[in-house]
Every structure is written in C-alpha cells, then in structure tokens.
Amino acid sequence: MADQPETAAHHRPSRRRPARPRVRPISYRQACAYISAHHQQLDRPQGHTFSLGLTNHAGNLIGVAMVGRPDVRHHDDGLTAEVTRLATEGPRNAYSVLLAAAWRVARRMGYQRLITYTRTDRPAAGLRAAGWKVVTDTPSARGRNRLSRHRAPRGTGDATRTHWQVATEDWRTRTEAANRVPRRAREGQDPR
C-alpha cells in the first residue's frame, strides 16, 4: 500500500467531551492525608464510616468526602450519618458531585438522613445543588475547653455555623408523626 497524502480529515480535532471526574472509595489514610494537605480549618476526624475520593481523568485525587457518625449525641440514632470532612481542589462542581455520591452510598447502607455543618461565611451552592436543605443556623460556640477538662480547640468555635441535611421520605414521615404527638405522651407520661 502506498503512502496516502495527509488531508485535513486525518488531523481533525476530537469532539469528545473531556473525561469527567470519577467517584471511588478510598481508605481512611488516603482521605486523612488529603484532608491535612487541603483543608484549611480542621484536622483529620477521629474515625469514619466510609470515605469517597474524586479523581480526574489521570487518576489523581482532586477531592475527598469523609462520612461518619454524627458528632452531636442526639443526632446519633443509628439512621443518621454526618459528612465530617469535605475538601476539593479544582473543579467547579466537585462539592456537589461528592455530596450527591455520599448520599447515594449512605442510602444504600441503610441511613435515612445525612447531615453536615458549614460556616455561614462560606458559599453553599454545592449543598443546594446536591439537594440539601438548611435546618438551622447555630451561633458560635464558646468552645469545648473547660477548667476541669482541657480540650484542644477544633477550629470552629468562633464561627456561626449552618446545619444542613438531606433525608429520605421515610425519615420525614417519621419526624412529622413524632412532632404531632404531644410531648408528655412521647415521654410516657399521662397527657392530663
């Protein structure tokens, strides 16, 4: 076969879309290493239930979401998980992609509600894009350190925070029914 002359058709640029970032499970160590390198305020969490990583087309880690048990005791009912850390470096929609993936995985594991907290001075477009709703705004805490028990600062005590959640229909129905029952009846007391 003779060499064919090169034409413009042979060098036509590809019209394919660039490869989209992919979500994959990662280990606690990988997630902690990424968090310590890219998160501004918080250290690595004590533990986790699962962690998800967002990778680019070359396989490099560009974002991490860590999900674990809720920090607040009255949220820890066995059906609620909390996004404890979320950090990304780059893509515009990385937060919403990781949050949506964390909610899909949590639902498959049997959780009915997923919560997180953000500082009010930070943008929350990624949470809204992933379908999360504001529960309440909490004022800045006076801190966890006490004379009787010294605790290291966690980096969030001086900021007003917003509590966010996403829940299944079962969770919403259950909480609406619990709110309709008078408090005394819920506690087992005589309603009179």
N, C-alpha and C. Protein backbone atom coordinates (compact mmCIF):
# COMPACT_ATOMS: atom_id res chain seq x y z
N MET A 1 0.83 -1.17 0.00
CA MET A 1 0.00 0.00 0.00
C MET A 1 0.87 1.23 0.00
N ALA A 2 0.57 2.15 -0.84
CA ALA A 2 1.36 3.37 -0.96
C ALA A 2 0.96 4.35 0.13
N ASP A 3 1.90 5.21 0.47
CA ASP A 3 1.59 6.24 1.48
C ASP A 3 0.53 7.17 0.94
N GLN A 4 -0.46 7.41 1.74
CA GLN A 4 -1.52 8.32 1.34
C GLN A 4 -1.17 9.73 1.78
N PRO A 5 -1.50 10.69 0.98
CA PRO A 5 -1.23 12.07 1.40
C PRO A 5 -2.11 12.45 2.59
N GLU A 6 -1.51 13.22 3.50
CA GLU A 6 -2.26 13.64 4.68
C GLU A 6 -3.26 14.71 4.29
N THR A 7 -4.46 14.54 4.76
CA THR A 7 -5.51 15.52 4.49
C THR A 7 -5.96 16.11 5.81
N ALA A 8 -6.78 17.11 5.72
CA ALA A 8 -7.30 17.77 6.93
C ALA A 8 -8.15 16.83 7.75
N ALA A 9 -8.73 15.84 7.10
CA ALA A 9 -9.59 14.90 7.83
C ALA A 9 -8.80 14.07 8.81
N HIS A 10 -7.52 13.80 8.52
CA HIS A 10 -6.70 12.99 9.41
C HIS A 10 -6.32 13.75 10.68
N HIS A 11 -6.33 15.05 10.67
CA HIS A 11 -5.90 15.86 11.80
C HIS A 11 -7.05 16.64 12.43
N ARG A 12 -8.23 16.18 12.20
CA ARG A 12 -9.40 16.87 12.74
C ARG A 12 -9.38 16.74 14.27
N PRO A 13 -9.58 17.82 14.98
CA PRO A 13 -9.59 17.73 16.44
C PRO A 13 -10.78 16.91 16.92
N SER A 14 -10.57 16.23 18.00
CA SER A 14 -11.61 15.37 18.57
C SER A 14 -12.73 16.22 19.16
N ARG A 15 -13.94 15.78 18.96
CA ARG A 15 -15.09 16.50 19.52
C ARG A 15 -15.59 15.83 20.80
N ARG A 16 -14.84 14.89 21.30
CA ARG A 16 -15.24 14.23 22.54
C ARG A 16 -15.16 15.19 23.70
N ARG A 17 -16.06 14.96 24.64
CA ARG A 17 -16.02 15.75 25.86
C ARG A 17 -14.86 15.27 26.72
N PRO A 18 -14.25 16.15 27.48
CA PRO A 18 -13.18 15.69 28.35
C PRO A 18 -13.72 14.71 29.39
N ALA A 19 -12.87 13.82 29.81
CA ALA A 19 -13.28 12.79 30.76
C ALA A 19 -13.77 13.45 32.06
N ARG A 20 -14.92 12.98 32.54
CA ARG A 20 -15.48 13.54 33.75
C ARG A 20 -14.79 12.93 34.97
N PRO A 21 -14.73 13.68 36.06
CA PRO A 21 -14.16 13.12 37.29
C PRO A 21 -14.97 11.92 37.75
N ARG A 22 -14.30 10.97 38.37
CA ARG A 22 -14.97 9.76 38.84
C ARG A 22 -14.89 9.68 40.36
N VAL A 23 -15.96 9.17 40.95
CA VAL A 23 -16.01 8.96 42.39
C VAL A 23 -15.63 7.52 42.67
N ARG A 24 -14.76 7.33 43.67
CA ARG A 24 -14.36 5.97 44.03
C ARG A 24 -14.14 5.89 45.53
N PRO A 25 -14.28 4.72 46.12
CA PRO A 25 -14.00 4.59 47.56
C PRO A 25 -12.50 4.70 47.82
N ILE A 26 -12.15 5.32 48.94
CA ILE A 26 -10.74 5.42 49.32
C ILE A 26 -10.61 5.05 50.80
N SER A 27 -9.39 4.79 51.22
CA SER A 27 -9.15 4.38 52.60
C SER A 27 -9.12 5.59 53.53
N TYR A 28 -9.20 5.31 54.81
CA TYR A 28 -9.14 6.36 55.83
C TYR A 28 -7.82 7.10 55.76
N ARG A 29 -6.73 6.38 55.56
CA ARG A 29 -5.41 7.02 55.47
C ARG A 29 -5.29 7.95 54.27
N GLN A 30 -5.78 7.51 53.13
CA GLN A 30 -5.74 8.36 51.94
C GLN A 30 -6.56 9.63 52.16
N ALA A 31 -7.74 9.47 52.75
CA ALA A 31 -8.61 10.61 52.99
C ALA A 31 -7.97 11.58 53.99
N CYS A 32 -7.38 11.06 55.06
CA CYS A 32 -6.74 11.92 56.05
C CYS A 32 -5.55 12.66 55.47
N ALA A 33 -4.77 12.00 54.63
CA ALA A 33 -3.63 12.67 54.01
C ALA A 33 -4.10 13.82 53.11
N TYR A 34 -5.16 13.60 52.38
CA TYR A 34 -5.68 14.65 51.51
C TYR A 34 -6.26 15.80 52.34
N ILE A 35 -7.00 15.47 53.41
CA ILE A 35 -7.61 16.49 54.27
C ILE A 35 -6.52 17.35 54.91
N SER A 36 -5.48 16.73 55.43
CA SER A 36 -4.43 17.52 56.09
C SER A 36 -3.69 18.42 55.10
N ALA A 37 -3.64 18.04 53.83
CA ALA A 37 -2.96 18.85 52.83
C ALA A 37 -3.86 19.96 52.26
N HIS A 38 -5.18 19.75 52.25
CA HIS A 38 -6.05 20.69 51.54
C HIS A 38 -7.14 21.36 52.37
N HIS A 39 -7.41 20.91 53.58
CA HIS A 39 -8.47 21.53 54.38
C HIS A 39 -7.86 22.64 55.22
N GLN A 40 -8.53 23.78 55.28
CA GLN A 40 -7.95 24.95 55.91
C GLN A 40 -8.12 24.98 57.42
N GLN A 41 -9.27 24.62 57.95
CA GLN A 41 -9.52 24.82 59.37
C GLN A 41 -9.37 23.56 60.23
N LEU A 42 -9.80 22.43 59.74
CA LEU A 42 -9.97 21.27 60.61
C LEU A 42 -8.90 20.20 60.39
N ASP A 43 -8.61 19.49 61.47
CA ASP A 43 -7.72 18.34 61.40
C ASP A 43 -8.49 17.12 60.92
N ARG A 44 -7.79 16.01 60.84
CA ARG A 44 -8.47 14.78 60.42
C ARG A 44 -9.45 14.34 61.50
N PRO A 45 -10.55 13.70 61.13
CA PRO A 45 -11.53 13.25 62.12
C PRO A 45 -11.03 12.02 62.87
N GLN A 46 -11.68 11.71 63.97
CA GLN A 46 -11.30 10.58 64.81
C GLN A 46 -11.46 9.25 64.09
N GLY A 47 -12.51 9.13 63.31
CA GLY A 47 -12.78 7.90 62.57
C GLY A 47 -13.73 8.19 61.44
N HIS A 48 -14.15 7.15 60.74
CA HIS A 48 -15.11 7.36 59.65
C HIS A 48 -15.86 6.07 59.38
N THR A 49 -16.99 6.20 58.71
CA THR A 49 -17.74 5.04 58.26
C THR A 49 -17.30 4.68 56.85
N PHE A 50 -17.20 5.68 55.99
CA PHE A 50 -16.65 5.49 54.66
C PHE A 50 -16.11 6.81 54.14
N SER A 51 -15.23 6.72 53.16
CA SER A 51 -14.67 7.91 52.51
C SER A 51 -14.73 7.73 51.01
N LEU A 52 -15.01 8.83 50.32
CA LEU A 52 -15.08 8.81 48.87
C LEU A 52 -14.05 9.78 48.32
N GLY A 53 -13.44 9.40 47.23
CA GLY A 53 -12.48 10.28 46.56
C GLY A 53 -12.97 10.61 45.16
N LEU A 54 -12.64 11.79 44.70
CA LEU A 54 -12.97 12.22 43.34
C LEU A 54 -11.66 12.29 42.58
N THR A 55 -11.57 11.56 41.47
CA THR A 55 -10.33 11.52 40.69
C THR A 55 -10.54 12.13 39.31
N ASN A 56 -9.49 12.74 38.79
CA ASN A 56 -9.57 13.30 37.44
C ASN A 56 -9.27 12.20 36.41
N HIS A 57 -9.20 12.58 35.13
CA HIS A 57 -9.00 11.59 34.06
C HIS A 57 -7.66 10.86 34.17
N ALA A 58 -6.68 11.48 34.85
CA ALA A 58 -5.37 10.84 35.01
C ALA A 58 -5.31 9.95 36.25
N GLY A 59 -6.39 9.94 37.05
CA GLY A 59 -6.42 9.11 38.24
C GLY A 59 -5.91 9.82 39.49
N ASN A 60 -5.63 11.12 39.40
CA ASN A 60 -5.16 11.88 40.57
C ASN A 60 -6.34 12.30 41.43
N LEU A 61 -6.15 12.25 42.72
CA LEU A 61 -7.19 12.60 43.67
C LEU A 61 -7.38 14.12 43.68
N ILE A 62 -8.62 14.59 43.44
CA ILE A 62 -8.90 16.03 43.41
C ILE A 62 -9.96 16.43 44.42
N GLY A 63 -10.48 15.48 45.19
CA GLY A 63 -11.47 15.80 46.20
C GLY A 63 -11.74 14.61 47.10
N VAL A 64 -12.17 14.90 48.34
CA VAL A 64 -12.43 13.85 49.33
C VAL A 64 -13.66 14.23 50.15
N ALA A 65 -14.50 13.24 50.42
CA ALA A 65 -15.61 13.39 51.37
C ALA A 65 -15.50 12.27 52.39
N MET A 66 -15.51 12.63 53.68
CA MET A 66 -15.46 11.63 54.75
C MET A 66 -16.79 11.65 55.49
N VAL A 67 -17.37 10.48 55.66
CA VAL A 67 -18.67 10.34 56.31
C VAL A 67 -18.51 9.44 57.53
N GLY A 68 -19.09 9.86 58.65
CA GLY A 68 -19.00 9.09 59.87
C GLY A 68 -20.23 9.27 60.74
N ARG A 69 -20.10 8.86 61.99
CA ARG A 69 -21.19 9.04 62.95
C ARG A 69 -21.31 10.52 63.30
N PRO A 70 -22.51 10.98 63.62
CA PRO A 70 -22.68 12.39 63.98
C PRO A 70 -21.92 12.76 65.25
N ASP A 71 -21.37 13.98 65.26
CA ASP A 71 -20.67 14.48 66.44
C ASP A 71 -21.64 14.77 67.58
N VAL A 72 -22.80 15.29 67.26
CA VAL A 72 -23.79 15.65 68.27
C VAL A 72 -24.54 14.39 68.70
N ARG A 73 -24.58 14.16 69.99
CA ARG A 73 -25.12 12.91 70.52
C ARG A 73 -26.58 12.67 70.16
N HIS A 74 -27.42 13.70 70.18
CA HIS A 74 -28.84 13.45 69.92
C HIS A 74 -29.13 13.21 68.44
N HIS A 75 -28.17 13.42 67.56
CA HIS A 75 -28.35 13.06 66.15
C HIS A 75 -27.93 11.61 65.89
N ASP A 76 -27.20 11.02 66.81
CA ASP A 76 -26.66 9.67 66.62
C ASP A 76 -27.71 8.63 66.98
N ASP A 77 -28.68 8.42 66.08
CA ASP A 77 -29.78 7.49 66.32
C ASP A 77 -29.64 6.19 65.54
N GLY A 78 -28.54 5.99 64.85
CA GLY A 78 -28.33 4.78 64.07
C GLY A 78 -28.81 4.90 62.63
N LEU A 79 -29.64 5.90 62.34
CA LEU A 79 -30.14 6.11 60.99
C LEU A 79 -29.59 7.39 60.36
N THR A 80 -28.73 8.08 61.10
CA THR A 80 -28.17 9.35 60.64
C THR A 80 -26.66 9.25 60.54
N ALA A 81 -26.12 9.75 59.44
CA ALA A 81 -24.67 9.84 59.25
C ALA A 81 -24.34 11.32 59.02
N GLU A 82 -23.06 11.67 59.19
CA GLU A 82 -22.63 13.05 59.02
C GLU A 82 -21.43 13.13 58.09
N VAL A 83 -21.48 14.08 57.16
CA VAL A 83 -20.30 14.39 56.34
C VAL A 83 -19.39 15.20 57.25
N THR A 84 -18.32 14.58 57.73
CA THR A 84 -17.45 15.23 58.70
C THR A 84 -16.37 16.08 58.05
N ARG A 85 -15.91 15.71 56.87
CA ARG A 85 -14.90 16.50 56.16
C ARG A 85 -15.21 16.46 54.67
N LEU A 86 -14.96 17.59 54.02
CA LEU A 86 -15.14 17.68 52.57
C LEU A 86 -14.13 18.69 52.06
N ALA A 87 -13.27 18.27 51.17
CA ALA A 87 -12.24 19.17 50.62
C ALA A 87 -12.01 18.81 49.16
N THR A 88 -11.87 19.85 48.33
CA THR A 88 -11.58 19.64 46.91
C THR A 88 -10.56 20.66 46.45
N GLU A 89 -9.97 20.41 45.33
CA GLU A 89 -9.04 21.35 44.72
C GLU A 89 -9.34 21.44 43.23
N GLY A 90 -10.22 22.27 42.86
CA GLY A 90 -10.35 22.44 41.44
C GLY A 90 -11.73 22.53 40.86
N PRO A 91 -12.26 21.44 40.34
CA PRO A 91 -13.45 21.55 39.50
C PRO A 91 -14.59 22.28 40.20
N ARG A 92 -15.35 22.97 39.37
CA ARG A 92 -16.44 23.80 39.86
C ARG A 92 -17.48 23.00 40.63
N ASN A 93 -17.84 21.84 40.12
CA ASN A 93 -18.93 21.07 40.71
C ASN A 93 -18.46 19.91 41.58
N ALA A 94 -17.23 19.93 42.02
CA ALA A 94 -16.69 18.80 42.78
C ALA A 94 -17.42 18.61 44.10
N TYR A 95 -17.78 19.70 44.80
CA TYR A 95 -18.50 19.58 46.06
C TYR A 95 -19.83 18.87 45.87
N SER A 96 -20.61 19.32 44.89
CA SER A 96 -21.93 18.73 44.70
C SER A 96 -21.83 17.28 44.23
N VAL A 97 -20.81 16.96 43.43
CA VAL A 97 -20.63 15.57 42.99
C VAL A 97 -20.33 14.67 44.19
N LEU A 98 -19.42 15.11 45.06
CA LEU A 98 -19.08 14.31 46.24
C LEU A 98 -20.25 14.19 47.22
N LEU A 99 -20.97 15.28 47.43
CA LEU A 99 -22.12 15.24 48.35
C LEU A 99 -23.22 14.32 47.83
N ALA A 100 -23.52 14.39 46.54
CA ALA A 100 -24.53 13.52 45.96
C ALA A 100 -24.10 12.05 46.03
N ALA A 101 -22.83 11.78 45.79
CA ALA A 101 -22.33 10.40 45.87
C ALA A 101 -22.36 9.90 47.31
N ALA A 102 -22.01 10.76 48.27
CA ALA A 102 -22.05 10.35 49.68
C ALA A 102 -23.47 10.01 50.09
N TRP A 103 -24.44 10.77 49.62
CA TRP A 103 -25.84 10.48 49.96
C TRP A 103 -26.31 9.18 49.31
N ARG A 104 -25.89 8.90 48.07
CA ARG A 104 -26.25 7.64 47.42
C ARG A 104 -25.69 6.45 48.20
N VAL A 105 -24.43 6.54 48.60
CA VAL A 105 -23.79 5.44 49.34
C VAL A 105 -24.44 5.27 50.71
N ALA A 106 -24.72 6.38 51.40
CA ALA A 106 -25.33 6.31 52.73
C ALA A 106 -26.72 5.67 52.66
N ARG A 107 -27.50 6.02 51.64
CA ARG A 107 -28.83 5.41 51.49
C ARG A 107 -28.72 3.92 51.25
N ARG A 108 -27.75 3.51 50.43
CA ARG A 108 -27.56 2.07 50.17
C ARG A 108 -27.15 1.32 51.43
N MET A 109 -26.47 2.02 52.33
CA MET A 109 -26.05 1.39 53.59
C MET A 109 -27.18 1.36 54.61
N GLY A 110 -28.30 2.01 54.32
CA GLY A 110 -29.45 1.98 55.21
C GLY A 110 -29.69 3.25 56.01
N TYR A 111 -28.87 4.26 55.81
CA TYR A 111 -29.09 5.51 56.52
C TYR A 111 -30.28 6.25 55.90
N GLN A 112 -31.03 6.95 56.75
CA GLN A 112 -32.19 7.69 56.27
C GLN A 112 -31.96 9.20 56.27
N ARG A 113 -30.87 9.64 56.88
CA ARG A 113 -30.58 11.07 56.92
C ARG A 113 -29.07 11.27 56.91
N LEU A 114 -28.63 12.30 56.20
CA LEU A 114 -27.23 12.68 56.15
C LEU A 114 -27.16 14.16 56.49
N ILE A 115 -26.30 14.53 57.44
CA ILE A 115 -26.21 15.91 57.90
C ILE A 115 -24.78 16.42 57.72
N THR A 116 -24.62 17.73 57.76
CA THR A 116 -23.31 18.36 57.77
C THR A 116 -23.46 19.78 58.29
N TYR A 117 -22.35 20.39 58.61
CA TYR A 117 -22.32 21.76 59.08
C TYR A 117 -21.36 22.55 58.21
N THR A 118 -21.72 23.80 57.92
CA THR A 118 -20.82 24.69 57.19
C THR A 118 -20.75 26.02 57.92
N ARG A 119 -19.68 26.73 57.70
CA ARG A 119 -19.59 28.09 58.24
C ARG A 119 -20.48 28.99 57.40
N THR A 120 -21.14 29.95 58.04
CA THR A 120 -22.06 30.81 57.29
C THR A 120 -21.33 31.75 56.34
N ASP A 121 -20.05 31.98 56.57
CA ASP A 121 -19.31 32.87 55.68
C ASP A 121 -18.76 32.15 54.45
N ARG A 122 -19.03 30.86 54.31
CA ARG A 122 -18.58 30.09 53.15
C ARG A 122 -19.74 29.89 52.18
N PRO A 123 -19.48 29.85 50.88
CA PRO A 123 -20.57 29.61 49.92
C PRO A 123 -21.12 28.19 50.06
N ALA A 124 -22.40 28.04 49.82
CA ALA A 124 -23.05 26.74 49.98
C ALA A 124 -23.78 26.31 48.72
N ALA A 125 -23.34 26.77 47.58
CA ALA A 125 -24.00 26.42 46.32
C ALA A 125 -23.93 24.93 46.04
N GLY A 126 -22.82 24.27 46.43
CA GLY A 126 -22.67 22.84 46.21
C GLY A 126 -23.69 22.03 47.00
N LEU A 127 -24.00 22.47 48.21
CA LEU A 127 -25.01 21.78 49.02
C LEU A 127 -26.39 21.94 48.40
N ARG A 128 -26.72 23.14 47.99
CA ARG A 128 -28.03 23.36 47.36
C ARG A 128 -28.14 22.56 46.06
N ALA A 129 -27.07 22.51 45.29
CA ALA A 129 -27.09 21.78 44.02
C ALA A 129 -27.27 20.29 44.23
N ALA A 130 -26.80 19.77 45.36
CA ALA A 130 -26.94 18.34 45.65
C ALA A 130 -28.27 18.03 46.33
N GLY A 131 -29.12 19.04 46.57
CA GLY A 131 -30.45 18.80 47.13
C GLY A 131 -30.54 18.91 48.64
N TRP A 132 -29.55 19.48 49.30
CA TRP A 132 -29.56 19.61 50.75
C TRP A 132 -30.40 20.82 51.16
N LYS A 133 -30.97 20.75 52.37
CA LYS A 133 -31.81 21.82 52.90
C LYS A 133 -31.22 22.32 54.21
N VAL A 134 -31.40 23.63 54.48
CA VAL A 134 -30.95 24.23 55.73
C VAL A 134 -31.89 23.81 56.84
N VAL A 135 -31.33 23.34 57.96
CA VAL A 135 -32.12 23.01 59.13
C VAL A 135 -32.16 24.21 60.07
N THR A 136 -31.00 24.72 60.41
CA THR A 136 -30.92 25.85 61.32
C THR A 136 -29.54 26.49 61.26
N ASP A 137 -29.45 27.71 61.75
CA ASP A 137 -28.17 28.38 61.95
C ASP A 137 -27.84 28.32 63.43
N THR A 138 -26.61 27.92 63.74
CA THR A 138 -26.21 27.83 65.14
C THR A 138 -25.20 28.93 65.44
N PRO A 139 -25.34 29.59 66.59
CA PRO A 139 -24.39 30.65 66.93
C PRO A 139 -23.02 30.07 67.25
N SER A 140 -22.04 30.94 67.31
CA SER A 140 -20.69 30.47 67.61
C SER A 140 -20.65 29.90 69.01
N ALA A 141 -19.93 28.81 69.17
CA ALA A 141 -19.84 28.13 70.46
C ALA A 141 -18.76 28.79 71.31
N ARG A 142 -18.91 28.69 72.61
CA ARG A 142 -17.89 29.28 73.48
C ARG A 142 -16.66 28.39 73.58
N GLY A 143 -16.72 27.24 72.98
CA GLY A 143 -15.57 26.34 72.98
C GLY A 143 -15.80 25.12 73.86
N ARG A 144 -14.98 24.12 73.69
CA ARG A 144 -15.13 22.88 74.44
C ARG A 144 -14.17 22.81 75.61
N ASN A 145 -13.23 23.72 75.70
CA ASN A 145 -12.23 23.68 76.75
C ASN A 145 -12.84 24.12 78.08
N ARG A 146 -12.61 23.35 79.13
CA ARG A 146 -13.11 23.66 80.46
C ARG A 146 -11.95 23.55 81.45
N LEU A 147 -12.09 24.20 82.59
CA LEU A 147 -11.05 24.09 83.62
C LEU A 147 -10.91 22.65 84.10
N SER A 148 -12.04 21.94 84.20
CA SER A 148 -11.99 20.57 84.69
C SER A 148 -11.51 19.58 83.63
N ARG A 149 -11.61 19.96 82.35
CA ARG A 149 -11.20 19.04 81.30
C ARG A 149 -10.68 19.84 80.12
N HIS A 150 -9.37 19.81 79.95
CA HIS A 150 -8.75 20.57 78.87
C HIS A 150 -8.96 19.85 77.54
N ARG A 151 -9.43 20.60 76.56
CA ARG A 151 -9.60 20.06 75.21
C ARG A 151 -8.97 21.02 74.22
N ALA A 152 -8.38 20.47 73.21
CA ALA A 152 -7.76 21.29 72.17
C ALA A 152 -8.85 21.94 71.32
N PRO A 153 -8.64 23.17 70.86
CA PRO A 153 -9.64 23.81 70.00
C PRO A 153 -9.77 23.07 68.68
N ARG A 154 -10.99 23.02 68.14
CA ARG A 154 -11.25 22.29 66.91
C ARG A 154 -11.29 23.19 65.69
N GLY A 155 -11.20 24.49 65.88
CA GLY A 155 -11.15 25.38 64.74
C GLY A 155 -12.49 25.92 64.29
N THR A 156 -13.59 25.55 64.95
CA THR A 156 -14.91 26.00 64.51
C THR A 156 -15.63 26.79 65.59
N GLY A 157 -15.02 27.02 66.72
CA GLY A 157 -15.72 27.63 67.85
C GLY A 157 -16.07 29.09 67.66
N ASP A 158 -15.34 29.81 66.84
CA ASP A 158 -15.58 31.24 66.70
C ASP A 158 -16.47 31.60 65.52
N ALA A 159 -17.02 30.63 64.82
CA ALA A 159 -17.80 30.89 63.62
C ALA A 159 -19.25 30.45 63.79
N THR A 160 -20.16 31.22 63.23
CA THR A 160 -21.56 30.81 63.17
C THR A 160 -21.66 29.72 62.11
N ARG A 161 -22.39 28.67 62.42
CA ARG A 161 -22.49 27.54 61.51
C ARG A 161 -23.92 27.31 61.04
N THR A 162 -24.05 26.72 59.88
CA THR A 162 -25.35 26.35 59.33
C THR A 162 -25.43 24.83 59.31
N HIS A 163 -26.54 24.31 59.82
CA HIS A 163 -26.78 22.87 59.88
C HIS A 163 -27.61 22.49 58.65
N TRP A 164 -27.10 21.56 57.83
CA TRP A 164 -27.75 21.11 56.61
C TRP A 164 -28.12 19.65 56.74
N GLN A 165 -29.14 19.23 56.00
CA GLN A 165 -29.49 17.81 55.97
C GLN A 165 -30.16 17.45 54.65
N VAL A 166 -30.09 16.18 54.33
CA VAL A 166 -30.84 15.58 53.24
C VAL A 166 -31.38 14.28 53.83
N ALA A 167 -32.66 13.98 53.55
CA ALA A 167 -33.29 12.83 54.20
C ALA A 167 -34.21 12.10 53.23
N THR A 168 -34.48 10.85 53.55
CA THR A 168 -35.41 10.06 52.77
C THR A 168 -36.84 10.44 53.15
N GLU A 169 -37.78 9.99 52.36
CA GLU A 169 -39.19 10.26 52.66
C GLU A 169 -39.60 9.55 53.95
N ASP A 170 -39.05 8.37 54.22
CA ASP A 170 -39.34 7.65 55.47
C ASP A 170 -38.95 8.48 56.68
N TRP A 171 -37.80 9.13 56.62
CA TRP A 171 -37.34 9.95 57.73
C TRP A 171 -38.27 11.14 57.96
N ARG A 172 -38.64 11.81 56.87
CA ARG A 172 -39.52 12.98 57.00
C ARG A 172 -40.87 12.58 57.56
N THR A 173 -41.42 11.46 57.11
CA THR A 173 -42.72 10.99 57.61
C THR A 173 -42.62 10.65 59.09
N ARG A 174 -41.54 10.00 59.48
CA ARG A 174 -41.36 9.61 60.89
C ARG A 174 -41.24 10.82 61.79
N THR A 175 -40.47 11.83 61.39
CA THR A 175 -40.30 13.00 62.23
C THR A 175 -41.56 13.86 62.28
N GLU A 176 -42.32 13.92 61.18
CA GLU A 176 -43.59 14.65 61.20
C GLU A 176 -44.58 13.99 62.15
N ALA A 177 -44.63 12.64 62.14
CA ALA A 177 -45.53 11.93 63.04
C ALA A 177 -45.11 12.13 64.50
N ALA A 178 -43.81 12.14 64.76
CA ALA A 178 -43.33 12.34 66.14
C ALA A 178 -43.63 13.75 66.62
N ASN A 179 -43.60 14.73 65.73
CA ASN A 179 -43.89 16.10 66.11
C ASN A 179 -45.37 16.33 66.39
N ARG A 180 -46.25 15.49 65.82
CA ARG A 180 -47.68 15.65 66.06
C ARG A 180 -48.10 15.10 67.41
N VAL A 181 -47.34 14.14 67.97
CA VAL A 181 -47.68 13.54 69.26
C VAL A 181 -47.28 14.52 70.37
N PRO A 182 -48.18 14.76 71.34
CA PRO A 182 -47.81 15.66 72.44
C PRO A 182 -46.58 15.14 73.19
N ARG A 183 -45.79 16.05 73.71
CA ARG A 183 -44.52 15.71 74.34
C ARG A 183 -44.71 14.77 75.53
N ARG A 184 -45.70 15.00 76.35
CA ARG A 184 -45.92 14.14 77.51
C ARG A 184 -46.21 12.70 77.10
N ALA A 185 -46.97 12.53 76.02
CA ALA A 185 -47.28 11.18 75.55
C ALA A 185 -46.03 10.51 75.01
N ARG A 186 -45.13 11.29 74.38
CA ARG A 186 -43.88 10.71 73.87
C ARG A 186 -43.00 10.23 75.01
N GLU A 187 -43.01 10.93 76.13
CA GLU A 187 -42.17 10.58 77.26
C GLU A 187 -42.81 9.52 78.16
N GLY A 188 -44.01 9.06 77.80
CA GLY A 188 -44.65 8.01 78.59
C GLY A 188 -45.40 8.54 79.79
N GLN A 189 -45.65 9.84 79.84
CA GLN A 189 -46.38 10.41 80.97
C GLN A 189 -47.86 10.50 80.62
N ASP A 190 -48.64 10.65 81.65
CA ASP A 190 -50.05 10.82 81.46
C ASP A 190 -50.32 12.18 80.81
N PRO A 191 -51.04 12.24 79.69
CA PRO A 191 -51.23 13.50 78.99
C PRO A 191 -52.13 14.49 79.72
N ARG A 192 -52.73 14.11 80.86
CA ARG A 192 -53.62 15.03 81.57
C ARG A 192 -52.88 16.08 82.25
